[in-house]
């Protein structure tokens, strides 16, 4: 999974390395608590963090 927190949206991309299928979900950025927006996007994907093999994170929140 890769997550990017932008000025407006959080983008969460999930790649299944076995099937090659990927999914994208978005949620609104929550500047006062950035984790809320990330958690919302992950919940939309319908997975639990413990199911992940890797988590990549990026943000431009501090620049915006």
C-alpha atoms as a PDB file:
ATOM      1  CA  UNK A   1       0.000   0.000   0.000  1.00  0.00           C
ATOM      2  CA  UNK A   2       1.112   3.514  -0.733  1.00  0.00           C
ATOM      3  CA  UNK A   3      -0.510   6.588   0.784  1.00  0.00           C
ATOM      4  CA  UNK A   4      -0.009  10.228  -0.144  1.00  0.00           C
ATOM      5  CA  UNK A   5      -1.455  13.047   1.947  1.00  0.00           C
ATOM      6  CA  UNK A   6      -2.005  16.060  -0.255  1.00  0.00           C
ATOM      7  CA  UNK A   7      -3.479  19.462   0.416  1.00  0.00           C
ATOM      8  CA  UNK A   8      -7.023  18.336  -0.432  1.00  0.00           C
ATOM      9  CA  UNK A   9      -7.069  14.547  -0.697  1.00  0.00           C
ATOM     10  CA  UNK A  10      -5.422  11.450   0.718  1.00  0.00           C
ATOM     11  CA  UNK A  11      -4.724   8.908  -2.027  1.00  0.00           C
ATOM     12  CA  UNK A  12      -4.372   5.268  -0.976  1.00  0.00           C
ATOM     13  CA  UNK A  13      -3.220   2.716  -3.559  1.00  0.00           C
ATOM     14  CA  UNK A  14      -3.264  -1.000  -2.835  1.00  0.00           C
ATOM     15  CA  UNK A  15      -1.334  -3.450  -5.030  1.00  0.00           C
ATOM     16  CA  UNK A  16      -1.858  -7.205  -4.816  1.00  0.00           C
ATOM     17  CA  UNK A  17       1.570  -8.514  -5.854  1.00  0.00           C
ATOM     18  CA  UNK A  18       0.174 -11.977  -6.558  1.00  0.00           C
ATOM     19  CA  UNK A  19      -2.625 -10.981  -8.952  1.00  0.00           C
ATOM     20  CA  UNK A  20      -1.195  -7.667 -10.150  1.00  0.00           C
ATOM     21  CA  UNK A  21      -4.511  -5.959  -9.428  1.00  0.00           C
ATOM     22  CA  UNK A  22      -4.513  -2.526  -7.818  1.00  0.00           C
ATOM     23  CA  UNK A  23      -7.141  -0.323  -6.260  1.00  0.00           C
ATOM     24  CA  UNK A  24      -7.288   3.391  -5.478  1.00  0.00           C
ATOM     25  CA  UNK A  25      -9.352   5.176  -2.856  1.00  0.00           C
ATOM     26  CA  UNK A  26      -9.472   8.821  -1.848  1.00  0.00           C
ATOM     27  CA  UNK A  27     -10.551  10.639   1.262  1.00  0.00           C
ATOM     28  CA  UNK A  28     -10.346  14.238   2.323  1.00  0.00           C
ATOM     29  CA  UNK A  29      -7.173  15.429   4.013  1.00  0.00           C
ATOM     30  CA  UNK A  30      -7.666  16.263   7.683  1.00  0.00           C
ATOM     31  CA  UNK A  31      -4.894  18.808   8.411  1.00  0.00           C
ATOM     32  CA  UNK A  32      -5.427  18.972  12.183  1.00  0.00           C
ATOM     33  CA  UNK A  33      -4.991  15.192  12.456  1.00  0.00           C
ATOM     34  CA  UNK A  34      -3.558  13.759   9.229  1.00  0.00           C
ATOM     35  CA  UNK A  35      -4.008  10.174  10.462  1.00  0.00           C
ATOM     36  CA  UNK A  36      -7.801  10.534  10.238  1.00  0.00           C
ATOM     37  CA  UNK A  37      -7.707  11.072   6.484  1.00  0.00           C
ATOM     38  CA  UNK A  38      -5.290   8.174   6.040  1.00  0.00           C
ATOM     39  CA  UNK A  39      -7.452   5.861   8.146  1.00  0.00           C
ATOM     40  CA  UNK A  40     -10.555   6.876   6.181  1.00  0.00           C
ATOM     41  CA  UNK A  41      -8.897   6.010   2.861  1.00  0.00           C
ATOM     42  CA  UNK A  42      -7.658   2.662   4.207  1.00  0.00           C
ATOM     43  CA  UNK A  43     -11.119   1.816   5.524  1.00  0.00           C
ATOM     44  CA  UNK A  44     -12.580   2.483   2.068  1.00  0.00           C
ATOM     45  CA  UNK A  45     -10.213  -0.179   0.714  1.00  0.00           C
ATOM     46  CA  UNK A  46     -11.732  -2.632   3.195  1.00  0.00           C
ATOM     47  CA  UNK A  47      -8.486  -3.998   4.594  1.00  0.00           C
ATOM     48  CA  UNK A  48      -6.753  -4.051   7.954  1.00  0.00           C
ATOM     49  CA  UNK A  49      -3.237  -2.751   8.461  1.00  0.00           C
ATOM     50  CA  UNK A  50      -2.061  -6.149   9.686  1.00  0.00           C
ATOM     51  CA  UNK A  51      -2.779  -7.607   6.243  1.00  0.00           C
ATOM     52  CA  UNK A  52      -0.130  -5.433   4.585  1.00  0.00           C
ATOM     53  CA  UNK A  53       3.380  -6.518   3.694  1.00  0.00           C
ATOM     54  CA  UNK A  54       4.540  -2.940   3.047  1.00  0.00           C
ATOM     55  CA  UNK A  55       3.331   0.600   3.700  1.00  0.00           C
ATOM     56  CA  UNK A  56       4.781   3.552   1.791  1.00  0.00           C
ATOM     57  CA  UNK A  57       3.912   7.076   2.869  1.00  0.00           C
ATOM     58  CA  UNK A  58       4.411  10.461   1.297  1.00  0.00           C
ATOM     59  CA  UNK A  59       2.991  13.899   1.920  1.00  0.00           C
ATOM     60  CA  UNK A  60       3.025  17.483   0.754  1.00  0.00           C
ATOM     61  CA  UNK A  61       0.853  18.540   3.687  1.00  0.00           C
ATOM     62  CA  UNK A  62       3.604  20.619   5.321  1.00  0.00           C
ATOM     63  CA  UNK A  63       4.248  22.484   2.068  1.00  0.00           C
ATOM     64  CA  UNK A  64       0.606  23.264   1.430  1.00  0.00           C
END
